[in-house]
């Protein structure tokens, strides 16, 4: 399946400025490094990525219907129904009646799901903290700390 690209709202290909060669080179290096780091951190996971993403969405946004979760995660409702079923089998989420629509049900994190999610996050952060401590000098750690704010700013653009 080919990836789809859409221009930011209100812009077209003609309106998007062409980055400088320096910015393009930095972007390519950053994308590659972030991809490698993300893949390495995911090695610490015990719960499959798609399931962790659902647990994270429920933690961030609260109870949702399966179709709302599917839309949030950009997957087909049938695929999300399978993930929800697996998470329910593991007692990581619970299902309850929708308060205003009797035809729907809401899924939400269980206490076990919240604990499992926190453990996943802890493993990821723990590995990364150990790597930072082992691999980087004090000066490099300070630079990385400043860079985190820049990455956050880019991500929210």
C-alpha atoms as a PDB file:
ATOM      1  CA  UNK A   1       0.000   0.000   0.000  1.00  0.00           C
ATOM      2  CA  UNK A   2       1.469   3.317  -1.027  1.00  0.00           C
ATOM      3  CA  UNK A   3       1.856   6.051   1.554  1.00  0.00           C
ATOM      4  CA  UNK A   4      -0.392   9.021   1.059  1.00  0.00           C
ATOM      5  CA  UNK A   5       0.836  12.572   1.455  1.00  0.00           C
ATOM      6  CA  UNK A   6      -1.289  15.629   1.916  1.00  0.00           C
ATOM      7  CA  UNK A   7      -0.128  19.202   2.068  1.00  0.00           C
ATOM      8  CA  UNK A   8      -0.760  21.145   5.269  1.00  0.00           C
ATOM      9  CA  UNK A   9      -4.258  22.686   5.348  1.00  0.00           C
ATOM     10  CA  UNK A  10      -4.437  25.796   3.217  1.00  0.00           C
ATOM     11  CA  UNK A  11      -1.263  25.095   1.222  1.00  0.00           C
ATOM     12  CA  UNK A  12      -0.413  23.523  -2.101  1.00  0.00           C
ATOM     13  CA  UNK A  13       2.774  22.180  -3.608  1.00  0.00           C
ATOM     14  CA  UNK A  14       3.384  25.550  -5.245  1.00  0.00           C
ATOM     15  CA  UNK A  15       3.159  27.413  -1.921  1.00  0.00           C
ATOM     16  CA  UNK A  16       5.523  25.153   0.059  1.00  0.00           C
ATOM     17  CA  UNK A  17       8.995  26.637   0.007  1.00  0.00           C
ATOM     18  CA  UNK A  18      11.863  24.442  -1.097  1.00  0.00           C
ATOM     19  CA  UNK A  19      14.211  23.852   1.848  1.00  0.00           C
ATOM     20  CA  UNK A  20      17.817  24.915   1.593  1.00  0.00           C
ATOM     21  CA  UNK A  21      20.305  22.168   0.899  1.00  0.00           C
ATOM     22  CA  UNK A  22      21.565  22.539   4.494  1.00  0.00           C
ATOM     23  CA  UNK A  23      18.051  22.140   5.944  1.00  0.00           C
ATOM     24  CA  UNK A  24      17.381  19.181   3.652  1.00  0.00           C
ATOM     25  CA  UNK A  25      20.600  17.472   4.735  1.00  0.00           C
ATOM     26  CA  UNK A  26      19.812  18.036   8.425  1.00  0.00           C
ATOM     27  CA  UNK A  27      16.280  16.744   7.875  1.00  0.00           C
ATOM     28  CA  UNK A  28      17.545  13.561   6.213  1.00  0.00           C
ATOM     29  CA  UNK A  29      20.089  12.877   8.959  1.00  0.00           C
ATOM     30  CA  UNK A  30      17.575  13.632  11.701  1.00  0.00           C
ATOM     31  CA  UNK A  31      14.897  11.417  10.160  1.00  0.00           C
ATOM     32  CA  UNK A  32      17.331   8.533   9.861  1.00  0.00           C
ATOM     33  CA  UNK A  33      18.678   8.922  13.402  1.00  0.00           C
ATOM     34  CA  UNK A  34      15.202   9.276  14.912  1.00  0.00           C
ATOM     35  CA  UNK A  35      14.001   6.217  13.031  1.00  0.00           C
ATOM     36  CA  UNK A  36      16.916   4.137  14.314  1.00  0.00           C
ATOM     37  CA  UNK A  37      16.432   5.384  17.867  1.00  0.00           C
ATOM     38  CA  UNK A  38      12.680   4.731  17.769  1.00  0.00           C
ATOM     39  CA  UNK A  39      13.210   1.185  16.479  1.00  0.00           C
ATOM     40  CA  UNK A  40      15.832   0.509  19.154  1.00  0.00           C
ATOM     41  CA  UNK A  41      13.644   1.807  21.979  1.00  0.00           C
ATOM     42  CA  UNK A  42      10.764  -0.366  20.736  1.00  0.00           C
ATOM     43  CA  UNK A  43      12.952  -3.425  21.373  1.00  0.00           C
ATOM     44  CA  UNK A  44      12.263  -2.849  25.072  1.00  0.00           C
ATOM     45  CA  UNK A  45       8.513  -3.398  24.569  1.00  0.00           C
ATOM     46  CA  UNK A  46       6.751  -6.456  25.926  1.00  0.00           C
ATOM     47  CA  UNK A  47       3.360  -5.516  24.467  1.00  0.00           C
ATOM     48  CA  UNK A  48       2.987  -5.291  20.652  1.00  0.00           C
ATOM     49  CA  UNK A  49       3.239  -1.744  19.303  1.00  0.00           C
ATOM     50  CA  UNK A  50      -0.353  -1.530  18.034  1.00  0.00           C
ATOM     51  CA  UNK A  51      -1.677  -2.577  21.423  1.00  0.00           C
ATOM     52  CA  UNK A  52       0.564  -0.126  23.273  1.00  0.00           C
ATOM     53  CA  UNK A  53      -0.655   2.639  20.957  1.00  0.00           C
ATOM     54  CA  UNK A  54      -4.272   1.846  21.884  1.00  0.00           C
ATOM     55  CA  UNK A  55      -3.456   1.793  25.588  1.00  0.00           C
ATOM     56  CA  UNK A  56      -1.679   5.123  25.187  1.00  0.00           C
ATOM     57  CA  UNK A  57      -4.629   6.673  23.361  1.00  0.00           C
ATOM     58  CA  UNK A  58      -7.011   5.534  26.094  1.00  0.00           C
ATOM     59  CA  UNK A  59      -4.652   6.909  28.727  1.00  0.00           C
ATOM     60  CA  UNK A  60      -4.364  10.276  26.964  1.00  0.00           C
ATOM     61  CA  UNK A  61      -7.931  10.725  25.750  1.00  0.00           C
ATOM     62  CA  UNK A  62     -10.034   8.585  28.093  1.00  0.00           C
ATOM     63  CA  UNK A  63     -12.744   6.084  27.212  1.00  0.00           C
ATOM     64  CA  UNK A  64     -13.622   5.728  23.527  1.00  0.00           C
ATOM     65  CA  UNK A  65     -15.695   3.559  21.251  1.00  0.00           C
ATOM     66  CA  UNK A  66     -13.909   0.993  19.128  1.00  0.00           C
ATOM     67  CA  UNK A  67     -14.719   3.043  16.021  1.00  0.00           C
ATOM     68  CA  UNK A  68     -13.292   6.195  17.640  1.00  0.00           C
ATOM     69  CA  UNK A  69     -10.129   4.259  18.478  1.00  0.00           C
ATOM     70  CA  UNK A  70      -9.927   3.006  14.894  1.00  0.00           C
ATOM     71  CA  UNK A  71     -10.180   6.560  13.588  1.00  0.00           C
ATOM     72  CA  UNK A  72      -7.612   7.780  16.129  1.00  0.00           C
ATOM     73  CA  UNK A  73      -5.148   5.066  15.160  1.00  0.00           C
ATOM     74  CA  UNK A  74      -5.998   5.266  11.452  1.00  0.00           C
ATOM     75  CA  UNK A  75      -6.906   1.601  11.084  1.00  0.00           C
ATOM     76  CA  UNK A  76     -10.023  -0.210   9.904  1.00  0.00           C
ATOM     77  CA  UNK A  77     -12.714  -0.766  12.544  1.00  0.00           C
ATOM     78  CA  UNK A  78     -12.392  -4.535  12.038  1.00  0.00           C
ATOM     79  CA  UNK A  79      -8.675  -4.375  12.822  1.00  0.00           C
ATOM     80  CA  UNK A  80      -9.346  -2.301  15.922  1.00  0.00           C
ATOM     81  CA  UNK A  81     -12.020  -4.757  17.048  1.00  0.00           C
ATOM     82  CA  UNK A  82      -9.348  -7.501  17.004  1.00  0.00           C
ATOM     83  CA  UNK A  83      -6.918  -5.371  19.015  1.00  0.00           C
ATOM     84  CA  UNK A  84      -9.634  -4.483  21.520  1.00  0.00           C
ATOM     85  CA  UNK A  85     -10.498  -8.170  21.849  1.00  0.00           C
ATOM     86  CA  UNK A  86      -6.861  -9.079  22.530  1.00  0.00           C
ATOM     87  CA  UNK A  87      -6.516  -6.326  25.122  1.00  0.00           C
ATOM     88  CA  UNK A  88      -9.733  -7.434  26.798  1.00  0.00           C
ATOM     89  CA  UNK A  89      -8.484 -11.035  26.878  1.00  0.00           C
ATOM     90  CA  UNK A  90      -5.419  -9.760  28.742  1.00  0.00           C
ATOM     91  CA  UNK A  91      -7.632  -7.671  31.103  1.00  0.00           C
ATOM     92  CA  UNK A  92      -5.804  -4.523  30.017  1.00  0.00           C
ATOM     93  CA  UNK A  93      -9.031  -2.733  29.050  1.00  0.00           C
ATOM     94  CA  UNK A  94     -12.651  -2.958  30.105  1.00  0.00           C
ATOM     95  CA  UNK A  95     -15.869  -2.326  28.239  1.00  0.00           C
ATOM     96  CA  UNK A  96     -18.870  -0.418  29.583  1.00  0.00           C
ATOM     97  CA  UNK A  97     -22.128   0.887  28.192  1.00  0.00           C
ATOM     98  CA  UNK A  98     -22.046   4.227  26.398  1.00  0.00           C
ATOM     99  CA  UNK A  99     -23.794   6.799  28.606  1.00  0.00           C
ATOM    100  CA  UNK A 100     -25.915   8.339  25.824  1.00  0.00           C
ATOM    101  CA  UNK A 101     -26.134   5.697  23.096  1.00  0.00           C
ATOM    102  CA  UNK A 102     -27.279   2.244  24.132  1.00  0.00           C
ATOM    103  CA  UNK A 103     -26.070   0.754  20.836  1.00  0.00           C
ATOM    104  CA  UNK A 104     -22.448   1.617  21.605  1.00  0.00           C
ATOM    105  CA  UNK A 105     -19.904   0.581  24.196  1.00  0.00           C
ATOM    106  CA  UNK A 106     -16.900   2.442  25.527  1.00  0.00           C
ATOM    107  CA  UNK A 107     -13.549   0.837  26.175  1.00  0.00           C
ATOM    108  CA  UNK A 108     -11.198   2.182  28.807  1.00  0.00           C
ATOM    109  CA  UNK A 109      -7.984   1.279  30.556  1.00  0.00           C
ATOM    110  CA  UNK A 110      -8.240  -1.147  33.427  1.00  0.00           C
ATOM    111  CA  UNK A 111      -5.935  -0.819  36.424  1.00  0.00           C
ATOM    112  CA  UNK A 112      -3.873  -3.656  34.936  1.00  0.00           C
ATOM    113  CA  UNK A 113      -3.756  -1.812  31.589  1.00  0.00           C
ATOM    114  CA  UNK A 114      -2.565   1.382  33.225  1.00  0.00           C
ATOM    115  CA  UNK A 115       0.134  -0.562  35.087  1.00  0.00           C
ATOM    116  CA  UNK A 116       1.218  -2.371  31.906  1.00  0.00           C
ATOM    117  CA  UNK A 117       1.397   0.917  29.993  1.00  0.00           C
ATOM    118  CA  UNK A 118       3.460   2.544  32.727  1.00  0.00           C
ATOM    119  CA  UNK A 119       5.799  -0.464  32.725  1.00  0.00           C
ATOM    120  CA  UNK A 120       6.233  -0.157  28.926  1.00  0.00           C
ATOM    121  CA  UNK A 121       6.948   3.542  29.230  1.00  0.00           C
ATOM    122  CA  UNK A 122       9.345   2.886  32.087  1.00  0.00           C
ATOM    123  CA  UNK A 123      11.276   0.271  30.100  1.00  0.00           C
ATOM    124  CA  UNK A 124      11.608   2.624  27.145  1.00  0.00           C
ATOM    125  CA  UNK A 125      12.652   5.614  29.249  1.00  0.00           C
ATOM    126  CA  UNK A 126      14.922   3.449  31.391  1.00  0.00           C
ATOM    127  CA  UNK A 127      16.798   2.075  28.413  1.00  0.00           C
ATOM    128  CA  UNK A 128      17.154   5.539  26.902  1.00  0.00           C
ATOM    129  CA  UNK A 129      18.339   7.063  30.197  1.00  0.00           C
ATOM    130  CA  UNK A 130      20.957   4.323  30.561  1.00  0.00           C
ATOM    131  CA  UNK A 131      22.114   4.856  26.986  1.00  0.00           C
ATOM    132  CA  UNK A 132      22.376   8.622  27.504  1.00  0.00           C
ATOM    133  CA  UNK A 133      24.368   8.115  30.689  1.00  0.00           C
ATOM    134  CA  UNK A 134      26.683   5.514  29.158  1.00  0.00           C
ATOM    135  CA  UNK A 135      27.263   7.092  25.754  1.00  0.00           C
ATOM    136  CA  UNK A 136      27.184  10.861  26.189  1.00  0.00           C
ATOM    137  CA  UNK A 137      29.499  13.306  27.892  1.00  0.00           C
ATOM    138  CA  UNK A 138      28.113  15.959  30.233  1.00  0.00           C
ATOM    139  CA  UNK A 139      28.372  18.505  27.439  1.00  0.00           C
ATOM    140  CA  UNK A 140      26.559  16.189  24.993  1.00  0.00           C
ATOM    141  CA  UNK A 141      23.799  15.554  27.559  1.00  0.00           C
ATOM    142  CA  UNK A 142      23.282  19.297  27.941  1.00  0.00           C
ATOM    143  CA  UNK A 143      23.100  19.677  24.160  1.00  0.00           C
ATOM    144  CA  UNK A 144      20.616  16.800  23.927  1.00  0.00           C
ATOM    145  CA  UNK A 145      18.446  18.387  26.626  1.00  0.00           C
ATOM    146  CA  UNK A 146      18.331  21.632  24.657  1.00  0.00           C
ATOM    147  CA  UNK A 147      17.631  19.687  21.449  1.00  0.00           C
ATOM    148  CA  UNK A 148      14.596  17.981  22.988  1.00  0.00           C
ATOM    149  CA  UNK A 149      12.807  21.344  23.152  1.00  0.00           C
ATOM    150  CA  UNK A 150      13.669  22.001  19.503  1.00  0.00           C
ATOM    151  CA  UNK A 151      12.340  18.593  18.451  1.00  0.00           C
ATOM    152  CA  UNK A 152       9.146  19.236  20.398  1.00  0.00           C
ATOM    153  CA  UNK A 153       8.748  22.562  18.599  1.00  0.00           C
ATOM    154  CA  UNK A 154       9.227  20.882  15.212  1.00  0.00           C
ATOM    155  CA  UNK A 155       6.743  18.142  16.102  1.00  0.00           C
ATOM    156  CA  UNK A 156       4.040  20.660  16.985  1.00  0.00           C
ATOM    157  CA  UNK A 157       4.405  22.591  13.702  1.00  0.00           C
END
